[in-house]
Amino acid sequence: MSVRPEVACAATVDVPLEDLQAEAREASDFLKALGHEGRLLMLYFLCERDHSVTELERLIMSRQAAVSQQLARLRHEKLVTTRREGNQIFYSLADERVREAVLLMQKLFRASPPG
């Protein structure tokens, strides 16, 4: 039995293959950046508000070096931006698509409350 989506996927018949390939490449890079538990946890918290590296270390219970490495990857992929306040660097989501992707992950994978 096949799954019948309630909302059909966008038609690709009239889209040039080169455009589809570019779109697929961009989506693949985006999903690869999300494809790490630590990075995804950080993005979960950044959906709520901006956080410093120290706050993220505490929230995800990870060492500073690991948090900084994953934040560097998120910066490289342009999923987060930074701002400096004194000697602290704060991170925030760079793109509304990141928030939408995180919310979708939560919707798809978070257990429903009983009842």
C-alpha atoms as a PDB file:
ATOM      1  CA  MET A   1       0.000   0.000   0.000  1.00  0.00           C
ATOM      2  CA  SER A   2       1.464   3.355  -0.997  1.00  0.00           C
ATOM      3  CA  VAL A   3       1.395   6.474   1.130  1.00  0.00           C
ATOM      4  CA  ARG A   4      -0.816   9.197  -0.315  1.00  0.00           C
ATOM      5  CA  PRO A   5       0.318  12.616   0.860  1.00  0.00           C
ATOM      6  CA  GLU A   6      -2.346  15.097   1.859  1.00  0.00           C
ATOM      7  CA  VAL A   7      -0.320  17.772   0.130  1.00  0.00           C
ATOM      8  CA  ALA A   8       1.248  16.856  -3.174  1.00  0.00           C
ATOM      9  CA  CYS A   9       4.905  17.598  -3.855  1.00  0.00           C
ATOM     10  CA  ALA A  10       5.612  20.516  -6.159  1.00  0.00           C
ATOM     11  CA  ALA A  11       5.598  19.509  -9.809  1.00  0.00           C
ATOM     12  CA  THR A  12       9.024  19.103 -11.363  1.00  0.00           C
ATOM     13  CA  VAL A  13       7.935  18.612 -14.959  1.00  0.00           C
ATOM     14  CA  ASP A  14       8.468  22.231 -15.994  1.00  0.00           C
ATOM     15  CA  VAL A  15      11.613  22.838 -13.923  1.00  0.00           C
ATOM     16  CA  PRO A  16      14.940  22.495 -15.750  1.00  0.00           C
ATOM     17  CA  LEU A  17      17.121  19.654 -14.466  1.00  0.00           C
ATOM     18  CA  GLU A  18      19.960  22.078 -13.653  1.00  0.00           C
ATOM     19  CA  ASP A  19      17.630  24.016 -11.338  1.00  0.00           C
ATOM     20  CA  LEU A  20      16.453  20.809  -9.666  1.00  0.00           C
ATOM     21  CA  GLN A  21      20.065  19.715  -9.164  1.00  0.00           C
ATOM     22  CA  ALA A  22      21.011  23.060  -7.595  1.00  0.00           C
ATOM     23  CA  GLU A  23      17.971  22.891  -5.321  1.00  0.00           C
ATOM     24  CA  ALA A  24      18.777  19.298  -4.310  1.00  0.00           C
ATOM     25  CA  ARG A  25      22.432  20.229  -3.622  1.00  0.00           C
ATOM     26  CA  GLU A  26      21.416  23.147  -1.387  1.00  0.00           C
ATOM     27  CA  ALA A  27      18.850  21.008   0.467  1.00  0.00           C
ATOM     28  CA  SER A  28      21.398  18.197   0.899  1.00  0.00           C
ATOM     29  CA  ASP A  29      23.974  20.577   2.411  1.00  0.00           C
ATOM     30  CA  PHE A  30      21.305  22.010   4.720  1.00  0.00           C
ATOM     31  CA  LEU A  31      20.232  18.542   5.877  1.00  0.00           C
ATOM     32  CA  LYS A  32      23.842  17.434   6.413  1.00  0.00           C
ATOM     33  CA  ALA A  33      24.346  20.397   8.737  1.00  0.00           C
ATOM     34  CA  LEU A  34      21.247  19.331  10.686  1.00  0.00           C
ATOM     35  CA  GLY A  35      22.386  15.706  10.700  1.00  0.00           C
ATOM     36  CA  HIS A  36      24.350  15.806  13.950  1.00  0.00           C
ATOM     37  CA  GLU A  37      22.721  15.338  17.341  1.00  0.00           C
ATOM     38  CA  GLY A  38      24.740  18.078  19.038  1.00  0.00           C
ATOM     39  CA  ARG A  39      24.153  20.638  16.299  1.00  0.00           C
ATOM     40  CA  LEU A  40      20.445  19.836  16.227  1.00  0.00           C
ATOM     41  CA  LEU A  41      20.192  20.233  20.011  1.00  0.00           C
ATOM     42  CA  MET A  42      21.877  23.634  19.778  1.00  0.00           C
ATOM     43  CA  LEU A  43      19.435  24.686  17.079  1.00  0.00           C
ATOM     44  CA  TYR A  44      16.527  23.526  19.273  1.00  0.00           C
ATOM     45  CA  PHE A  45      17.680  25.929  21.986  1.00  0.00           C
ATOM     46  CA  LEU A  46      18.481  28.717  19.524  1.00  0.00           C
ATOM     47  CA  CYS A  47      14.894  28.516  18.261  1.00  0.00           C
ATOM     48  CA  GLU A  48      13.823  29.789  21.688  1.00  0.00           C
ATOM     49  CA  ARG A  49      16.327  32.658  21.974  1.00  0.00           C
ATOM     50  CA  ASP A  50      19.930  33.680  21.403  1.00  0.00           C
ATOM     51  CA  HIS A  51      22.517  31.880  23.535  1.00  0.00           C
ATOM     52  CA  SER A  52      26.186  32.291  24.383  1.00  0.00           C
ATOM     53  CA  VAL A  53      28.670  29.450  23.954  1.00  0.00           C
ATOM     54  CA  THR A  54      28.730  29.014  27.741  1.00  0.00           C
ATOM     55  CA  GLU A  55      24.948  28.717  27.880  1.00  0.00           C
ATOM     56  CA  LEU A  56      24.916  26.163  25.071  1.00  0.00           C
ATOM     57  CA  GLU A  57      27.635  24.121  26.835  1.00  0.00           C
ATOM     58  CA  ARG A  58      25.444  23.946  29.929  1.00  0.00           C
ATOM     59  CA  LEU A  59      22.207  23.276  28.026  1.00  0.00           C
ATOM     60  CA  ILE A  60      23.515  20.357  25.993  1.00  0.00           C
ATOM     61  CA  MET A  61      25.978  19.195  28.682  1.00  0.00           C
ATOM     62  CA  SER A  62      28.975  19.200  26.378  1.00  0.00           C
ATOM     63  CA  ARG A  63      32.535  20.518  26.549  1.00  0.00           C
ATOM     64  CA  GLN A  64      33.427  23.957  25.212  1.00  0.00           C
ATOM     65  CA  ALA A  65      35.678  22.537  22.477  1.00  0.00           C
ATOM     66  CA  ALA A  66      32.902  20.294  21.117  1.00  0.00           C
ATOM     67  CA  VAL A  67      30.306  23.086  21.246  1.00  0.00           C
ATOM     68  CA  SER A  68      32.651  25.528  19.523  1.00  0.00           C
ATOM     69  CA  GLN A  69      33.461  23.002  16.792  1.00  0.00           C
ATOM     70  CA  GLN A  70      29.785  22.367  16.053  1.00  0.00           C
ATOM     71  CA  LEU A  71      28.953  26.079  16.148  1.00  0.00           C
ATOM     72  CA  ALA A  72      31.757  26.682  13.635  1.00  0.00           C
ATOM     73  CA  ARG A  73      30.114  24.162  11.299  1.00  0.00           C
ATOM     74  CA  LEU A  74      26.722  25.872  11.736  1.00  0.00           C
ATOM     75  CA  ARG A  75      28.347  29.256  11.004  1.00  0.00           C
ATOM     76  CA  HIS A  76      30.108  27.832   7.943  1.00  0.00           C
ATOM     77  CA  GLU A  77      26.771  26.522   6.654  1.00  0.00           C
ATOM     78  CA  LYS A  78      25.205  29.936   7.401  1.00  0.00           C
ATOM     79  CA  LEU A  79      22.615  28.469   9.768  1.00  0.00           C
ATOM     80  CA  VAL A  80      23.617  30.696  12.687  1.00  0.00           C
ATOM     81  CA  THR A  81      24.964  34.207  13.092  1.00  0.00           C
ATOM     82  CA  THR A  82      26.957  35.770  15.906  1.00  0.00           C
ATOM     83  CA  ARG A  83      27.062  39.007  17.835  1.00  0.00           C
ATOM     84  CA  ARG A  84      29.530  40.093  20.473  1.00  0.00           C
ATOM     85  CA  GLU A  85      28.543  41.574  23.823  1.00  0.00           C
ATOM     86  CA  GLY A  86      31.650  42.394  25.830  1.00  0.00           C
ATOM     87  CA  ASN A  87      33.707  39.217  26.021  1.00  0.00           C
ATOM     88  CA  GLN A  88      30.814  36.902  25.132  1.00  0.00           C
ATOM     89  CA  ILE A  89      29.660  35.762  21.707  1.00  0.00           C
ATOM     90  CA  PHE A  90      25.962  35.089  21.265  1.00  0.00           C
ATOM     91  CA  TYR A  91      24.526  32.857  18.576  1.00  0.00           C
ATOM     92  CA  SER A  92      21.171  33.155  16.840  1.00  0.00           C
ATOM     93  CA  LEU A  93      19.422  31.502  13.925  1.00  0.00           C
ATOM     94  CA  ALA A  94      20.454  33.035  10.617  1.00  0.00           C
ATOM     95  CA  ASP A  95      17.486  32.010   8.532  1.00  0.00           C
ATOM     96  CA  GLU A  96      13.786  31.366   9.126  1.00  0.00           C
ATOM     97  CA  ARG A  97      14.166  28.092   7.214  1.00  0.00           C
ATOM     98  CA  VAL A  98      16.285  26.794  10.089  1.00  0.00           C
ATOM     99  CA  ARG A  99      13.478  27.491  12.568  1.00  0.00           C
ATOM    100  CA  GLU A 100      10.947  25.834  10.262  1.00  0.00           C
ATOM    101  CA  ALA A 101      13.182  22.745   9.865  1.00  0.00           C
ATOM    102  CA  VAL A 102      13.693  22.423  13.629  1.00  0.00           C
ATOM    103  CA  LEU A 103       9.965  22.785  14.264  1.00  0.00           C
ATOM    104  CA  LEU A 104       9.312  20.098  11.653  1.00  0.00           C
ATOM    105  CA  MET A 105      11.852  17.775  13.342  1.00  0.00           C
ATOM    106  CA  GLN A 106      10.110  18.315  16.654  1.00  0.00           C
ATOM    107  CA  LYS A 107       6.722  17.662  15.111  1.00  0.00           C
ATOM    108  CA  LEU A 108       7.881  14.483  13.374  1.00  0.00           C
ATOM    109  CA  PHE A 109       9.988  12.978  16.151  1.00  0.00           C
ATOM    110  CA  ARG A 110       8.799  14.293  19.502  1.00  0.00           C
ATOM    111  CA  ALA A 111       6.649  11.808  21.351  1.00  0.00           C
ATOM    112  CA  SER A 112       3.056  12.908  21.798  1.00  0.00           C
ATOM    113  CA  PRO A 113       1.932  13.378  25.372  1.00  0.00           C
ATOM    114  CA  PRO A 114      -0.231  10.505  26.637  1.00  0.00           C
ATOM    115  CA  GLY A 115      -3.968  10.908  26.412  1.00  0.00           C
END
